[in-house]
Amino acid sequence: MECSTNDAADRRAGIQVLDRAVAILQACEEGPATLNDLVERTGLARATTHRLATALEDHGLLRRVGGRWTLGPTLARLGAAASSGPPLAVIGRPALEALRDATGESVQLYVRRGAQRLCVASLESPHSLRTIVPVGAALPLDRGSAGKVLLGRADGGWAESVEEREPGVASVSAAVRDHRPGADGTIVAAVSVSGPVERTTRQPGERYGDLVVGAAAAVERAAGLRNG
């Protein structure tokens, strides 16, 4: 596929912005820095440095304390994730694919982020009428079966919801727990299957509960969170 001159120019401009942002992050590796320090360490224009540093702060990659920029909490979180091996969404994908194939409905994996649940994996149903939750979507904890699971409110191994978050949609979720010694079964994620009520019925737990619980256990085994 051929690229236009404008496409190539846009790509170069995007790479240049990325290069400059990385330069600012690397400048902060040397220690807390004022705006003047960043300008001196990177050689970038003052206005450009301030604009990019502010954008990096908005994303948690930098933070300002007492007028000085330092590396932000998002970098620490990303670094921890990178050093701990493949993320749960990658490790658990085969189990999620098996659940989607067995139910014919959309499947998601959620983790808790403060007062919200974050979708870290999403596999869509092959049906034309289906639920779609994009990866990265932050949804409320107080509505939907996955929120109940992450809050520890699942009875009998799974939780269900019918039209709680969105009209015409039902879901069933089960907890992915850490069963390793000392972890005490801590809930680390929720596996969810969701679809239109006309297919899932208004008692989706009766239809999919066992399958979702089995998928959650398969994710646990793949991630080394349980034995057997």
Protein backbone atom coordinates (compact mmCIF):
# COMPACT_ATOMS: atom_id res chain seq x y z
CA MET A 1 0.00 0.00 0.00
CA GLU A 2 1.40 3.39 -0.99
CA CYS A 3 1.58 6.32 1.42
CA SER A 4 0.96 9.92 0.38
CA THR A 5 3.46 12.69 1.02
CA ASN A 6 1.16 14.07 3.71
CA ASP A 7 1.00 10.66 5.44
CA ALA A 8 4.79 10.44 5.50
CA ALA A 9 5.07 13.97 6.86
CA ASP A 10 2.53 13.26 9.58
CA ARG A 11 4.43 10.11 10.54
CA ARG A 12 7.72 12.00 10.80
CA ALA A 13 6.07 14.71 12.89
CA GLY A 14 4.62 12.08 15.24
CA ILE A 15 8.00 10.41 15.65
CA GLN A 16 9.59 13.78 16.38
CA VAL A 17 7.09 14.48 19.14
CA LEU A 18 7.74 11.04 20.62
CA ASP A 19 11.50 11.55 20.47
CA ARG A 20 11.19 14.87 22.30
CA ALA A 21 8.90 13.40 24.97
CA VAL A 22 11.37 10.57 25.59
CA ALA A 23 14.19 13.11 25.84
CA ILE A 24 12.28 14.92 28.59
CA LEU A 25 11.68 11.66 30.48
CA GLN A 26 15.35 10.77 30.21
CA ALA A 27 16.29 14.23 31.45
CA CYS A 28 14.30 13.56 34.60
CA GLU A 29 16.31 10.39 35.19
CA GLU A 30 19.11 12.70 36.28
CA GLY A 31 16.96 13.93 39.14
CA PRO A 32 14.25 16.53 39.85
CA ALA A 33 14.33 19.31 37.28
CA THR A 34 12.90 22.77 36.91
CA LEU A 35 11.66 23.86 33.50
CA ASN A 36 14.99 25.60 32.95
CA ASP A 37 16.80 22.37 33.82
CA LEU A 38 14.74 20.44 31.28
CA VAL A 39 15.44 23.01 28.58
CA GLU A 40 19.16 22.84 29.34
CA ARG A 41 19.30 19.03 29.47
CA THR A 42 17.27 18.44 26.31
CA GLY A 43 18.18 21.43 24.16
CA LEU A 44 14.50 21.89 23.29
CA ALA A 45 12.72 25.22 23.06
CA ARG A 46 11.20 26.39 26.33
CA ALA A 47 7.64 26.49 24.99
CA THR A 48 7.98 23.00 23.50
CA THR A 49 9.47 21.64 26.71
CA HIS A 50 6.68 23.07 28.85
CA ARG A 51 3.95 21.80 26.51
CA LEU A 52 5.32 18.25 26.39
CA ALA A 53 6.13 18.10 30.11
CA THR A 54 2.60 19.20 30.94
CA ALA A 55 1.15 16.54 28.61
CA LEU A 56 3.36 13.88 30.22
CA GLU A 57 2.14 15.04 33.63
CA ASP A 58 -1.48 14.65 32.50
CA HIS A 59 -0.74 10.99 31.73
CA GLY A 60 1.09 10.40 35.01
CA LEU A 61 4.46 9.96 33.30
CA LEU A 62 5.80 13.06 35.07
CA ARG A 63 4.74 14.88 38.19
CA ARG A 64 5.56 18.29 39.66
CA VAL A 65 6.59 18.74 43.25
CA GLY A 66 7.56 22.18 44.45
CA GLY A 67 8.07 23.46 40.92
CA ARG A 68 10.34 20.57 39.93
CA TRP A 69 9.52 17.75 37.54
CA THR A 70 10.15 14.15 38.50
CA LEU A 71 9.26 10.80 36.95
CA GLY A 72 5.60 9.97 37.59
CA PRO A 73 3.66 7.04 39.06
CA THR A 74 2.53 5.69 35.70
CA LEU A 75 6.14 4.91 34.81
CA ALA A 76 6.55 2.96 38.03
CA ARG A 77 3.39 0.98 37.31
CA LEU A 78 4.41 0.26 33.73
CA GLY A 79 7.88 -0.75 34.86
CA ALA A 80 6.47 -3.15 37.42
CA ALA A 81 4.17 -4.67 34.83
CA ALA A 82 7.02 -5.08 32.36
CA SER A 83 9.27 -6.76 34.90
CA SER A 84 6.62 -9.16 36.15
CA GLY A 85 6.17 -11.00 32.87
CA PRO A 86 3.30 -11.13 30.39
CA PRO A 87 0.11 -9.41 31.57
CA LEU A 88 -2.90 -11.42 32.67
CA ALA A 89 -4.76 -10.46 29.48
CA VAL A 90 -2.10 -12.18 27.38
CA ILE A 91 -1.71 -15.24 29.57
CA GLY A 92 -5.44 -15.73 29.91
CA ARG A 93 -6.38 -15.21 26.26
CA PRO A 94 -6.73 -18.92 25.37
CA ALA A 95 -9.23 -19.37 28.23
CA LEU A 96 -11.14 -16.28 27.11
CA GLU A 97 -11.23 -17.51 23.52
CA ALA A 98 -12.56 -20.88 24.67
CA LEU A 99 -15.29 -19.12 26.67
CA ARG A 100 -16.32 -17.01 23.69
CA ASP A 101 -16.46 -20.08 21.46
CA ALA A 102 -18.46 -22.07 24.01
CA THR A 103 -21.03 -19.33 24.62
CA GLY A 104 -21.07 -17.55 21.26
CA GLU A 105 -21.11 -14.26 23.20
CA SER A 106 -18.64 -11.46 23.83
CA VAL A 107 -16.08 -12.01 26.58
CA GLN A 108 -14.14 -9.49 28.65
CA LEU A 109 -11.49 -9.46 31.36
CA TYR A 110 -11.66 -6.64 33.91
CA VAL A 111 -9.35 -5.47 36.67
CA ARG A 112 -10.12 -2.98 39.39
CA ARG A 113 -8.71 0.54 39.12
CA GLY A 114 -9.82 2.57 42.12
CA ALA A 115 -13.58 3.13 41.92
CA GLN A 116 -13.80 1.74 38.39
CA ARG A 117 -13.24 -1.47 36.48
CA LEU A 118 -10.89 -1.43 33.54
CA CYS A 119 -11.34 -3.69 30.53
CA VAL A 120 -7.96 -5.25 29.74
CA ALA A 121 -9.13 -7.86 27.23
CA SER A 122 -12.17 -8.00 24.96
CA LEU A 123 -13.22 -10.69 22.49
CA GLU A 124 -16.32 -10.01 20.42
CA SER A 125 -19.13 -12.42 19.64
CA PRO A 126 -19.41 -13.56 16.02
CA HIS A 127 -23.07 -12.50 16.00
CA SER A 128 -23.96 -9.24 14.25
CA LEU A 129 -25.94 -8.21 17.35
CA ARG A 130 -23.41 -8.26 20.17
CA THR A 131 -21.99 -6.29 23.05
CA ILE A 132 -18.80 -4.35 22.39
CA VAL A 133 -16.54 -3.17 25.21
CA PRO A 134 -13.26 -1.71 23.95
CA VAL A 135 -9.99 -2.51 25.70
CA GLY A 136 -9.18 0.41 27.97
CA ALA A 137 -12.81 1.21 28.76
CA ALA A 138 -13.28 2.30 32.38
CA LEU A 139 -16.71 1.33 33.69
CA PRO A 140 -18.43 1.80 37.06
CA LEU A 141 -18.10 -0.80 39.78
CA ASP A 142 -21.63 -0.32 41.06
CA ARG A 143 -23.35 -1.60 37.90
CA GLY A 144 -22.80 -4.85 36.04
CA SER A 145 -21.82 -8.35 37.07
CA ALA A 146 -18.06 -7.74 36.75
CA GLY A 147 -18.31 -4.86 39.21
CA LYS A 148 -20.07 -7.11 41.71
CA VAL A 149 -17.32 -9.70 41.36
CA LEU A 150 -14.50 -7.19 41.81
CA LEU A 151 -16.26 -5.88 44.92
CA GLY A 152 -16.48 -9.42 46.31
CA ARG A 153 -20.25 -9.64 45.98
CA ALA A 154 -20.53 -12.82 43.92
CA ASP A 155 -22.60 -15.58 45.50
CA GLY A 156 -22.18 -19.16 44.39
CA GLY A 157 -19.04 -18.48 42.39
CA TRP A 158 -20.54 -16.08 39.86
CA ALA A 159 -22.60 -12.90 39.62
CA GLU A 160 -25.13 -11.88 37.00
CA SER A 161 -26.71 -8.63 35.88
CA VAL A 162 -29.59 -7.86 33.55
CA GLU A 163 -29.87 -4.38 32.03
CA GLU A 164 -28.03 -2.77 34.96
CA ARG A 165 -25.47 -0.82 32.97
CA GLU A 166 -27.02 -0.83 29.52
CA PRO A 167 -30.59 -1.59 28.33
CA GLY A 168 -30.98 -4.91 26.58
CA VAL A 169 -27.69 -6.37 27.85
CA ALA A 170 -27.10 -9.14 30.38
CA SER A 171 -23.84 -10.52 31.72
CA VAL A 172 -22.31 -13.14 33.98
CA SER A 173 -18.92 -12.80 35.67
CA ALA A 174 -16.62 -14.86 37.89
CA ALA A 175 -13.56 -13.94 39.90
CA VAL A 176 -9.96 -14.68 39.03
CA ARG A 177 -8.31 -15.19 42.41
CA ASP A 178 -4.78 -15.58 43.66
CA HIS A 179 -4.70 -18.89 45.52
CA ARG A 180 -0.97 -18.89 46.21
CA PRO A 181 0.20 -19.17 49.83
CA GLY A 182 -0.25 -15.87 51.61
CA ALA A 183 -2.53 -14.37 48.94
CA ASP A 184 -5.71 -15.56 50.71
CA GLY A 185 -7.70 -15.83 47.50
CA THR A 186 -7.38 -12.15 46.65
CA ILE A 187 -9.53 -11.16 43.66
CA VAL A 188 -7.24 -9.95 40.87
CA ALA A 189 -9.66 -9.82 37.92
CA ALA A 190 -13.12 -10.71 36.67
CA VAL A 191 -13.96 -12.82 33.62
CA SER A 192 -17.23 -11.75 32.04
CA VAL A 193 -19.50 -12.96 29.25
CA SER A 194 -22.11 -10.51 27.96
CA GLY A 195 -24.72 -10.32 25.25
CA PRO A 196 -28.21 -9.23 24.31
CA VAL A 197 -30.95 -10.36 26.67
CA GLU A 198 -32.82 -12.01 23.82
CA ARG A 199 -30.04 -14.62 23.63
CA THR A 200 -28.67 -14.70 27.16
CA THR A 201 -32.20 -14.68 28.69
CA ARG A 202 -33.01 -12.89 31.92
CA GLN A 203 -31.32 -15.66 33.93
CA PRO A 204 -27.91 -15.62 32.27
CA GLY A 205 -26.25 -17.19 35.28
CA GLU A 206 -28.17 -20.43 34.78
CA ARG A 207 -26.95 -20.57 31.22
CA TYR A 208 -23.35 -19.41 31.50
CA GLY A 209 -22.40 -19.47 35.19
CA ASP A 210 -20.50 -22.76 35.15
CA LEU A 211 -18.70 -21.86 31.92
CA VAL A 212 -17.56 -18.50 33.28
CA VAL A 213 -16.37 -20.04 36.55
CA GLY A 214 -14.43 -22.63 34.55
CA ALA A 215 -12.85 -19.93 32.39
CA ALA A 216 -11.79 -17.97 35.47
CA ALA A 217 -10.16 -21.11 36.91
CA ALA A 218 -8.36 -21.67 33.59
CA VAL A 219 -6.99 -18.12 33.72
CA GLU A 220 -5.79 -18.76 37.27
CA ARG A 221 -3.98 -21.93 36.21
CA ALA A 222 -2.40 -20.23 33.19
CA ALA A 223 -1.16 -17.39 35.39
CA GLY A 224 0.18 -19.73 38.06
CA LEU A 225 -2.34 -18.49 40.62
CA ARG A 226 -3.51 -21.98 41.59
CA ASN A 227 -2.45 -25.58 41.43
CA GLY A 228 -4.13 -28.24 39.37
